[in-house]
Amino acid sequence: MTKNPLMIKVDKWTFHVPTDRVYNENDCWAKFDDVITTIGITDFLQNMIGDIVFVELPEIGSRVEQFGEVGSFEGMKAVLDLISPVSGVVKKVNEELNEKPELLNQDPYGKGWFVEVEAVDFETEKEFLLGPHAYFEVMKRKIEQERVKLIR
């Protein structure tokens, strides 16, 4: 994780948003290294779904579209799709998640990465993504919505 992530503590949880990547409103992140983009889920999403017990990874070589499904994961509360922040071709998957899906909970921004995609049009697509500060505000609103649900 970056040295100075954005953080908010709510009740017993602390949510982190690293500042070295971009986000979509589906609580997925993308970290760019030249044309290879690593994709994963946010700390907020892994907290909301609970203990993750299963992942479905895409096939290497498969094509993904921005905001299209690039895999799925199952938690104690739901099965969710991983929504890709970028379009491109899957170059690598995190095979370790097959044996240790809990890495998504334990280290969502590090060892719990999901896939690496060769991005095809990041310059155009980035206008549809959120920087860390913008995503932090979206996440705070979602946290407040979840708190309101719990009160009712």
N, C-alpha and C. Protein backbone atom coordinates (compact mmCIF):
# COMPACT_ATOMS: atom_id res chain seq x y z
N MET A 1 0.84 -1.17 0.00
CA MET A 1 0.00 0.00 0.00
C MET A 1 0.89 1.24 0.00
N THR A 2 0.35 2.33 -0.50
CA THR A 2 1.12 3.56 -0.53
C THR A 2 1.41 4.04 0.89
N LYS A 3 2.39 4.90 1.00
CA LYS A 3 2.82 5.37 2.32
C LYS A 3 1.73 6.16 3.04
N ASN A 4 0.98 6.96 2.33
CA ASN A 4 -0.04 7.80 2.96
C ASN A 4 -1.41 7.59 2.33
N PRO A 5 -2.03 6.45 2.59
CA PRO A 5 -3.36 6.23 2.02
C PRO A 5 -4.38 7.14 2.71
N LEU A 6 -5.46 7.40 2.02
CA LEU A 6 -6.57 8.10 2.66
C LEU A 6 -7.24 7.08 3.58
N MET A 7 -7.64 7.50 4.77
CA MET A 7 -8.22 6.56 5.73
C MET A 7 -9.40 7.19 6.44
N ILE A 8 -10.36 6.33 6.79
CA ILE A 8 -11.47 6.74 7.64
C ILE A 8 -11.76 5.59 8.59
N LYS A 9 -11.95 5.91 9.85
CA LYS A 9 -12.29 4.90 10.85
C LYS A 9 -13.77 5.06 11.17
N VAL A 10 -14.50 3.96 11.05
CA VAL A 10 -15.92 3.95 11.33
C VAL A 10 -16.20 2.78 12.26
N ASP A 11 -16.65 3.09 13.44
CA ASP A 11 -16.89 2.06 14.44
C ASP A 11 -15.62 1.23 14.63
N LYS A 12 -15.70 -0.07 14.38
CA LYS A 12 -14.53 -0.93 14.58
C LYS A 12 -13.71 -1.13 13.30
N TRP A 13 -14.12 -0.51 12.19
CA TRP A 13 -13.44 -0.71 10.92
C TRP A 13 -12.62 0.52 10.53
N THR A 14 -11.53 0.26 9.86
CA THR A 14 -10.73 1.32 9.25
C THR A 14 -10.66 1.02 7.76
N PHE A 15 -11.06 1.98 6.95
CA PHE A 15 -11.07 1.82 5.50
C PHE A 15 -9.92 2.62 4.90
N HIS A 16 -9.18 1.99 3.98
CA HIS A 16 -8.03 2.60 3.34
C HIS A 16 -8.29 2.80 1.84
N VAL A 17 -7.78 3.90 1.31
CA VAL A 17 -7.83 4.17 -0.12
C VAL A 17 -6.43 4.62 -0.54
N PRO A 18 -5.64 3.72 -1.14
CA PRO A 18 -4.30 4.11 -1.61
C PRO A 18 -4.40 5.21 -2.67
N THR A 19 -3.42 6.08 -2.66
CA THR A 19 -3.44 7.22 -3.59
C THR A 19 -2.68 6.96 -4.88
N ASP A 20 -2.18 5.74 -5.07
CA ASP A 20 -1.39 5.43 -6.26
C ASP A 20 -2.17 4.66 -7.32
N ARG A 21 -3.48 4.75 -7.28
CA ARG A 21 -4.31 4.04 -8.26
C ARG A 21 -5.60 4.79 -8.50
N VAL A 22 -6.40 4.30 -9.46
CA VAL A 22 -7.70 4.89 -9.77
C VAL A 22 -8.77 3.84 -9.45
N TYR A 23 -10.02 4.32 -9.43
CA TYR A 23 -11.13 3.49 -8.95
C TYR A 23 -12.34 3.66 -9.84
N ASN A 24 -13.22 2.64 -9.80
CA ASN A 24 -14.54 2.83 -10.39
C ASN A 24 -15.56 2.85 -9.26
N GLU A 25 -16.77 3.25 -9.55
CA GLU A 25 -17.78 3.34 -8.51
C GLU A 25 -18.26 1.96 -8.06
N ASN A 26 -17.79 0.91 -8.71
CA ASN A 26 -18.12 -0.47 -8.32
C ASN A 26 -17.11 -1.00 -7.30
N ASP A 27 -16.32 -0.11 -6.73
CA ASP A 27 -15.37 -0.44 -5.66
C ASP A 27 -14.25 -1.37 -6.12
N CYS A 28 -13.81 -1.16 -7.35
CA CYS A 28 -12.65 -1.88 -7.89
C CYS A 28 -11.56 -0.85 -8.18
N TRP A 29 -10.32 -1.28 -8.07
CA TRP A 29 -9.20 -0.37 -8.31
C TRP A 29 -8.36 -0.86 -9.49
N ALA A 30 -7.59 0.08 -10.04
CA ALA A 30 -6.66 -0.22 -11.12
C ALA A 30 -5.37 0.53 -10.85
N LYS A 31 -4.27 -0.20 -10.93
CA LYS A 31 -2.94 0.40 -10.75
C LYS A 31 -2.17 0.16 -12.04
N PHE A 32 -1.70 1.26 -12.64
CA PHE A 32 -1.06 1.20 -13.95
C PHE A 32 0.44 1.13 -13.84
N ASP A 33 1.02 0.27 -14.66
CA ASP A 33 2.47 0.18 -14.80
C ASP A 33 2.71 0.04 -16.30
N ASP A 34 2.92 1.17 -16.96
CA ASP A 34 3.03 1.22 -18.41
C ASP A 34 1.70 0.80 -19.02
N VAL A 35 1.64 -0.30 -19.78
CA VAL A 35 0.37 -0.74 -20.34
C VAL A 35 -0.27 -1.85 -19.53
N ILE A 36 0.46 -2.42 -18.57
CA ILE A 36 -0.11 -3.47 -17.74
C ILE A 36 -0.82 -2.84 -16.54
N THR A 37 -2.05 -3.22 -16.34
CA THR A 37 -2.88 -2.68 -15.29
C THR A 37 -3.27 -3.80 -14.33
N THR A 38 -2.93 -3.64 -13.07
CA THR A 38 -3.34 -4.60 -12.05
C THR A 38 -4.68 -4.14 -11.50
N ILE A 39 -5.60 -5.10 -11.31
CA ILE A 39 -6.97 -4.80 -10.90
C ILE A 39 -7.30 -5.61 -9.65
N GLY A 40 -8.05 -4.98 -8.76
CA GLY A 40 -8.50 -5.67 -7.55
C GLY A 40 -9.73 -4.99 -6.97
N ILE A 41 -10.12 -5.45 -5.78
CA ILE A 41 -11.27 -4.86 -5.10
C ILE A 41 -10.78 -3.98 -3.95
N THR A 42 -11.62 -3.05 -3.55
CA THR A 42 -11.23 -2.12 -2.50
C THR A 42 -11.44 -2.71 -1.11
N ASP A 43 -10.81 -2.06 -0.17
CA ASP A 43 -10.97 -2.38 1.23
C ASP A 43 -12.44 -2.29 1.64
N PHE A 44 -13.12 -1.27 1.16
CA PHE A 44 -14.54 -1.10 1.46
C PHE A 44 -15.34 -2.32 1.00
N LEU A 45 -15.13 -2.75 -0.24
CA LEU A 45 -15.91 -3.86 -0.79
C LEU A 45 -15.63 -5.16 -0.04
N GLN A 46 -14.36 -5.43 0.26
CA GLN A 46 -14.08 -6.68 0.97
C GLN A 46 -14.70 -6.66 2.36
N ASN A 47 -14.78 -5.50 2.99
CA ASN A 47 -15.45 -5.41 4.29
C ASN A 47 -16.95 -5.64 4.18
N MET A 48 -17.56 -5.12 3.13
CA MET A 48 -19.01 -5.24 2.96
C MET A 48 -19.44 -6.67 2.65
N ILE A 49 -18.63 -7.40 1.91
CA ILE A 49 -19.02 -8.75 1.52
C ILE A 49 -18.69 -9.78 2.60
N GLY A 50 -17.80 -9.45 3.50
CA GLY A 50 -17.43 -10.38 4.56
C GLY A 50 -16.35 -11.34 4.08
N ASP A 51 -16.21 -12.44 4.78
CA ASP A 51 -15.17 -13.42 4.46
C ASP A 51 -15.36 -13.97 3.06
N ILE A 52 -14.35 -13.80 2.22
CA ILE A 52 -14.41 -14.28 0.84
C ILE A 52 -13.93 -15.72 0.82
N VAL A 53 -14.77 -16.59 0.24
CA VAL A 53 -14.51 -18.03 0.29
C VAL A 53 -14.24 -18.67 -1.07
N PHE A 54 -14.48 -17.94 -2.16
CA PHE A 54 -14.30 -18.51 -3.49
C PHE A 54 -14.10 -17.40 -4.50
N VAL A 55 -13.24 -17.63 -5.48
CA VAL A 55 -13.07 -16.70 -6.59
C VAL A 55 -13.18 -17.44 -7.91
N GLU A 56 -13.65 -16.75 -8.92
CA GLU A 56 -13.66 -17.26 -10.29
C GLU A 56 -12.83 -16.30 -11.11
N LEU A 57 -11.69 -16.79 -11.57
CA LEU A 57 -10.76 -15.97 -12.34
C LEU A 57 -11.03 -16.13 -13.83
N PRO A 58 -10.76 -15.09 -14.61
CA PRO A 58 -10.94 -15.20 -16.07
C PRO A 58 -9.80 -16.00 -16.68
N GLU A 59 -9.98 -16.39 -17.93
CA GLU A 59 -8.91 -17.09 -18.64
C GLU A 59 -7.91 -16.08 -19.19
N ILE A 60 -6.64 -16.45 -19.12
CA ILE A 60 -5.61 -15.61 -19.71
C ILE A 60 -5.88 -15.51 -21.21
N GLY A 61 -5.77 -14.31 -21.73
CA GLY A 61 -6.06 -14.07 -23.14
C GLY A 61 -7.47 -13.60 -23.41
N SER A 62 -8.34 -13.68 -22.39
CA SER A 62 -9.72 -13.22 -22.61
C SER A 62 -9.75 -11.70 -22.63
N ARG A 63 -10.70 -11.18 -23.38
CA ARG A 63 -10.84 -9.73 -23.54
C ARG A 63 -11.88 -9.23 -22.56
N VAL A 64 -11.59 -8.09 -21.93
CA VAL A 64 -12.54 -7.46 -21.02
C VAL A 64 -12.83 -6.05 -21.49
N GLU A 65 -14.00 -5.58 -21.19
CA GLU A 65 -14.40 -4.21 -21.52
C GLU A 65 -14.47 -3.39 -20.25
N GLN A 66 -14.23 -2.09 -20.37
CA GLN A 66 -14.37 -1.23 -19.22
C GLN A 66 -15.79 -1.35 -18.67
N PHE A 67 -15.90 -1.57 -17.40
CA PHE A 67 -17.15 -1.76 -16.67
C PHE A 67 -17.83 -3.08 -16.99
N GLY A 68 -17.09 -4.00 -17.62
CA GLY A 68 -17.59 -5.35 -17.85
C GLY A 68 -17.04 -6.29 -16.78
N GLU A 69 -17.63 -7.45 -16.70
CA GLU A 69 -17.20 -8.45 -15.71
C GLU A 69 -15.85 -9.05 -16.09
N VAL A 70 -14.97 -9.17 -15.08
CA VAL A 70 -13.65 -9.75 -15.33
C VAL A 70 -13.39 -10.90 -14.35
N GLY A 71 -14.43 -11.40 -13.73
CA GLY A 71 -14.32 -12.48 -12.76
C GLY A 71 -15.38 -12.27 -11.69
N SER A 72 -15.37 -13.15 -10.69
CA SER A 72 -16.33 -13.01 -9.60
C SER A 72 -15.72 -13.55 -8.32
N PHE A 73 -16.38 -13.25 -7.23
CA PHE A 73 -15.93 -13.74 -5.93
C PHE A 73 -17.15 -13.91 -5.04
N GLU A 74 -17.03 -14.85 -4.13
CA GLU A 74 -18.14 -15.19 -3.25
C GLU A 74 -17.74 -14.96 -1.81
N GLY A 75 -18.56 -14.19 -1.12
CA GLY A 75 -18.35 -13.95 0.29
C GLY A 75 -19.46 -14.60 1.09
N MET A 76 -19.43 -14.38 2.37
CA MET A 76 -20.45 -14.95 3.24
C MET A 76 -21.82 -14.31 2.98
N LYS A 77 -21.84 -13.10 2.42
CA LYS A 77 -23.08 -12.37 2.24
C LYS A 77 -23.60 -12.35 0.81
N ALA A 78 -22.73 -12.61 -0.18
CA ALA A 78 -23.16 -12.47 -1.57
C ALA A 78 -22.10 -13.00 -2.53
N VAL A 79 -22.52 -13.15 -3.79
CA VAL A 79 -21.60 -13.42 -4.89
C VAL A 79 -21.60 -12.15 -5.73
N LEU A 80 -20.42 -11.62 -6.00
CA LEU A 80 -20.30 -10.38 -6.76
C LEU A 80 -19.38 -10.55 -7.94
N ASP A 81 -19.63 -9.74 -8.97
CA ASP A 81 -18.74 -9.68 -10.13
C ASP A 81 -17.68 -8.63 -9.87
N LEU A 82 -16.48 -8.90 -10.37
CA LEU A 82 -15.42 -7.90 -10.37
C LEU A 82 -15.61 -7.10 -11.65
N ILE A 83 -15.85 -5.81 -11.51
CA ILE A 83 -16.14 -4.94 -12.65
C ILE A 83 -14.86 -4.22 -13.05
N SER A 84 -14.40 -4.48 -14.26
CA SER A 84 -13.10 -3.97 -14.72
C SER A 84 -13.11 -2.46 -14.92
N PRO A 85 -12.13 -1.78 -14.35
CA PRO A 85 -11.99 -0.34 -14.60
C PRO A 85 -11.48 -0.01 -16.01
N VAL A 86 -10.91 -1.00 -16.71
CA VAL A 86 -10.31 -0.75 -18.02
C VAL A 86 -10.68 -1.84 -19.01
N SER A 87 -10.54 -1.51 -20.28
CA SER A 87 -10.67 -2.50 -21.35
C SER A 87 -9.29 -3.06 -21.67
N GLY A 88 -9.26 -4.31 -22.10
CA GLY A 88 -7.99 -4.88 -22.48
C GLY A 88 -8.02 -6.39 -22.54
N VAL A 89 -6.83 -6.98 -22.50
CA VAL A 89 -6.67 -8.43 -22.58
C VAL A 89 -6.03 -8.91 -21.28
N VAL A 90 -6.61 -9.96 -20.70
CA VAL A 90 -6.09 -10.52 -19.46
C VAL A 90 -4.74 -11.18 -19.76
N LYS A 91 -3.70 -10.71 -19.06
CA LYS A 91 -2.34 -11.23 -19.25
C LYS A 91 -1.92 -12.16 -18.12
N LYS A 92 -2.49 -11.96 -16.93
CA LYS A 92 -2.10 -12.75 -15.78
C LYS A 92 -3.24 -12.74 -14.77
N VAL A 93 -3.42 -13.86 -14.07
CA VAL A 93 -4.40 -13.94 -12.99
C VAL A 93 -3.67 -14.33 -11.71
N ASN A 94 -4.23 -13.97 -10.60
CA ASN A 94 -3.63 -14.29 -9.31
C ASN A 94 -4.08 -15.70 -8.90
N GLU A 95 -3.36 -16.71 -9.38
CA GLU A 95 -3.70 -18.11 -9.11
C GLU A 95 -3.74 -18.43 -7.62
N GLU A 96 -2.99 -17.69 -6.82
CA GLU A 96 -2.96 -17.94 -5.38
C GLU A 96 -4.34 -17.77 -4.75
N LEU A 97 -5.21 -16.96 -5.38
CA LEU A 97 -6.56 -16.76 -4.86
C LEU A 97 -7.40 -18.04 -4.91
N ASN A 98 -7.06 -18.96 -5.82
CA ASN A 98 -7.80 -20.23 -5.87
C ASN A 98 -7.65 -21.01 -4.58
N GLU A 99 -6.46 -20.98 -4.02
CA GLU A 99 -6.18 -21.70 -2.77
C GLU A 99 -6.41 -20.82 -1.54
N LYS A 100 -6.25 -19.52 -1.70
CA LYS A 100 -6.34 -18.59 -0.57
C LYS A 100 -7.22 -17.39 -0.92
N PRO A 101 -8.52 -17.59 -1.12
CA PRO A 101 -9.38 -16.45 -1.46
C PRO A 101 -9.42 -15.39 -0.35
N GLU A 102 -9.05 -15.79 0.86
CA GLU A 102 -9.04 -14.85 1.97
C GLU A 102 -8.02 -13.73 1.80
N LEU A 103 -7.09 -13.88 0.84
CA LEU A 103 -6.15 -12.79 0.56
C LEU A 103 -6.88 -11.52 0.12
N LEU A 104 -8.05 -11.69 -0.50
CA LEU A 104 -8.85 -10.52 -0.88
C LEU A 104 -9.26 -9.73 0.35
N ASN A 105 -9.53 -10.42 1.47
CA ASN A 105 -9.87 -9.74 2.72
C ASN A 105 -8.62 -9.23 3.43
N GLN A 106 -7.60 -10.04 3.46
CA GLN A 106 -6.41 -9.72 4.25
C GLN A 106 -5.55 -8.61 3.64
N ASP A 107 -5.46 -8.57 2.33
CA ASP A 107 -4.56 -7.62 1.66
C ASP A 107 -5.12 -7.24 0.28
N PRO A 108 -6.28 -6.53 0.26
CA PRO A 108 -6.93 -6.26 -1.03
C PRO A 108 -6.11 -5.40 -1.99
N TYR A 109 -5.16 -4.62 -1.47
CA TYR A 109 -4.36 -3.75 -2.34
C TYR A 109 -2.98 -4.31 -2.63
N GLY A 110 -2.69 -5.49 -2.11
CA GLY A 110 -1.38 -6.10 -2.31
C GLY A 110 -1.51 -7.52 -2.81
N LYS A 111 -1.30 -8.49 -1.95
CA LYS A 111 -1.34 -9.90 -2.34
C LYS A 111 -2.72 -10.34 -2.83
N GLY A 112 -3.76 -9.57 -2.54
CA GLY A 112 -5.10 -9.91 -2.97
C GLY A 112 -5.49 -9.32 -4.32
N TRP A 113 -4.52 -8.92 -5.13
CA TRP A 113 -4.85 -8.43 -6.48
C TRP A 113 -5.56 -9.54 -7.25
N PHE A 114 -6.33 -9.20 -8.25
CA PHE A 114 -7.17 -10.17 -8.96
C PHE A 114 -6.58 -10.57 -10.31
N VAL A 115 -6.37 -9.57 -11.18
CA VAL A 115 -5.86 -9.84 -12.53
C VAL A 115 -4.95 -8.72 -13.00
N GLU A 116 -4.14 -9.04 -14.02
CA GLU A 116 -3.39 -8.03 -14.74
C GLU A 116 -3.91 -8.00 -16.16
N VAL A 117 -4.19 -6.81 -16.64
CA VAL A 117 -4.78 -6.61 -17.96
C VAL A 117 -3.87 -5.68 -18.76
N GLU A 118 -3.66 -6.02 -20.02
CA GLU A 118 -2.98 -5.10 -20.92
C GLU A 118 -4.03 -4.12 -21.42
N ALA A 119 -4.00 -2.90 -20.88
CA ALA A 119 -5.00 -1.90 -21.21
C ALA A 119 -4.85 -1.46 -22.66
N VAL A 120 -5.98 -1.28 -23.34
CA VAL A 120 -5.92 -0.90 -24.76
C VAL A 120 -6.22 0.57 -25.02
N ASP A 121 -6.93 1.24 -24.08
CA ASP A 121 -7.29 2.63 -24.34
C ASP A 121 -7.44 3.42 -23.06
N PHE A 122 -6.45 3.32 -22.20
CA PHE A 122 -6.54 3.98 -20.89
C PHE A 122 -6.72 5.49 -21.01
N GLU A 123 -6.07 6.12 -21.95
CA GLU A 123 -6.15 7.58 -22.07
C GLU A 123 -7.60 8.04 -22.26
N THR A 124 -8.38 7.31 -23.03
CA THR A 124 -9.79 7.66 -23.23
C THR A 124 -10.62 7.23 -22.02
N GLU A 125 -10.35 6.05 -21.50
CA GLU A 125 -11.18 5.48 -20.43
C GLU A 125 -10.98 6.14 -19.07
N LYS A 126 -9.82 6.75 -18.83
CA LYS A 126 -9.56 7.29 -17.50
C LYS A 126 -10.52 8.41 -17.11
N GLU A 127 -11.13 9.06 -18.10
CA GLU A 127 -12.10 10.11 -17.75
C GLU A 127 -13.34 9.54 -17.06
N PHE A 128 -13.55 8.23 -17.16
CA PHE A 128 -14.69 7.59 -16.52
C PHE A 128 -14.33 6.96 -15.17
N LEU A 129 -13.10 7.18 -14.72
CA LEU A 129 -12.63 6.61 -13.45
C LEU A 129 -12.45 7.72 -12.43
N LEU A 130 -12.34 7.32 -11.19
CA LEU A 130 -12.20 8.26 -10.09
C LEU A 130 -10.78 8.24 -9.54
N GLY A 131 -10.25 9.40 -9.28
CA GLY A 131 -8.98 9.48 -8.57
C GLY A 131 -9.22 9.08 -7.11
N PRO A 132 -8.16 8.92 -6.34
CA PRO A 132 -8.32 8.45 -4.96
C PRO A 132 -9.17 9.37 -4.08
N HIS A 133 -9.05 10.68 -4.24
CA HIS A 133 -9.82 11.60 -3.41
C HIS A 133 -11.31 11.55 -3.77
N ALA A 134 -11.61 11.47 -5.06
CA ALA A 134 -13.01 11.36 -5.49
C ALA A 134 -13.61 10.04 -5.04
N TYR A 135 -12.86 8.94 -5.17
CA TYR A 135 -13.38 7.65 -4.71
C TYR A 135 -13.57 7.66 -3.19
N PHE A 136 -12.67 8.30 -2.46
CA PHE A 136 -12.77 8.38 -1.00
C PHE A 136 -14.10 9.01 -0.61
N GLU A 137 -14.51 10.06 -1.33
CA GLU A 137 -15.80 10.70 -1.05
C GLU A 137 -16.97 9.76 -1.37
N VAL A 138 -16.88 9.04 -2.50
CA VAL A 138 -17.92 8.06 -2.86
C VAL A 138 -18.00 6.99 -1.77
N MET A 139 -16.86 6.49 -1.34
CA MET A 139 -16.82 5.45 -0.31
C MET A 139 -17.44 5.96 1.00
N LYS A 140 -17.13 7.17 1.39
CA LYS A 140 -17.70 7.72 2.63
C LYS A 140 -19.22 7.78 2.55
N ARG A 141 -19.76 8.15 1.38
CA ARG A 141 -21.22 8.16 1.22
C ARG A 141 -21.79 6.76 1.34
N LYS A 142 -21.11 5.78 0.75
CA LYS A 142 -21.57 4.39 0.83
C LYS A 142 -21.52 3.87 2.27
N ILE A 143 -20.48 4.24 2.99
CA ILE A 143 -20.38 3.84 4.40
C ILE A 143 -21.54 4.41 5.19
N GLU A 144 -21.86 5.67 4.95
CA GLU A 144 -22.97 6.30 5.67
C GLU A 144 -24.30 5.62 5.31
N GLN A 145 -24.48 5.26 4.03
CA GLN A 145 -25.70 4.55 3.63
C GLN A 145 -25.81 3.21 4.35
N GLU A 146 -24.69 2.50 4.49
CA GLU A 146 -24.69 1.22 5.20
C GLU A 146 -25.02 1.41 6.67
N ARG A 147 -24.50 2.46 7.27
CA ARG A 147 -24.79 2.75 8.68
C ARG A 147 -26.26 3.04 8.89
N VAL A 148 -26.86 3.79 7.96
CA VAL A 148 -28.29 4.10 8.05
C VAL A 148 -29.12 2.82 7.98
N LYS A 149 -28.73 1.90 7.09
CA LYS A 149 -29.45 0.61 6.96
C LYS A 149 -29.40 -0.16 8.27
N LEU A 150 -28.25 -0.14 8.94
CA LEU A 150 -28.09 -0.87 10.19
C LEU A 150 -28.94 -0.28 11.30
N ILE A 151 -29.13 1.02 11.27
CA ILE A 151 -29.93 1.69 12.31
C ILE A 151 -31.41 1.34 12.16
N ARG A 152 -31.86 1.18 10.95
CA ARG A 152 -33.28 0.90 10.69
C ARG A 152 -33.59 -0.46 11.12
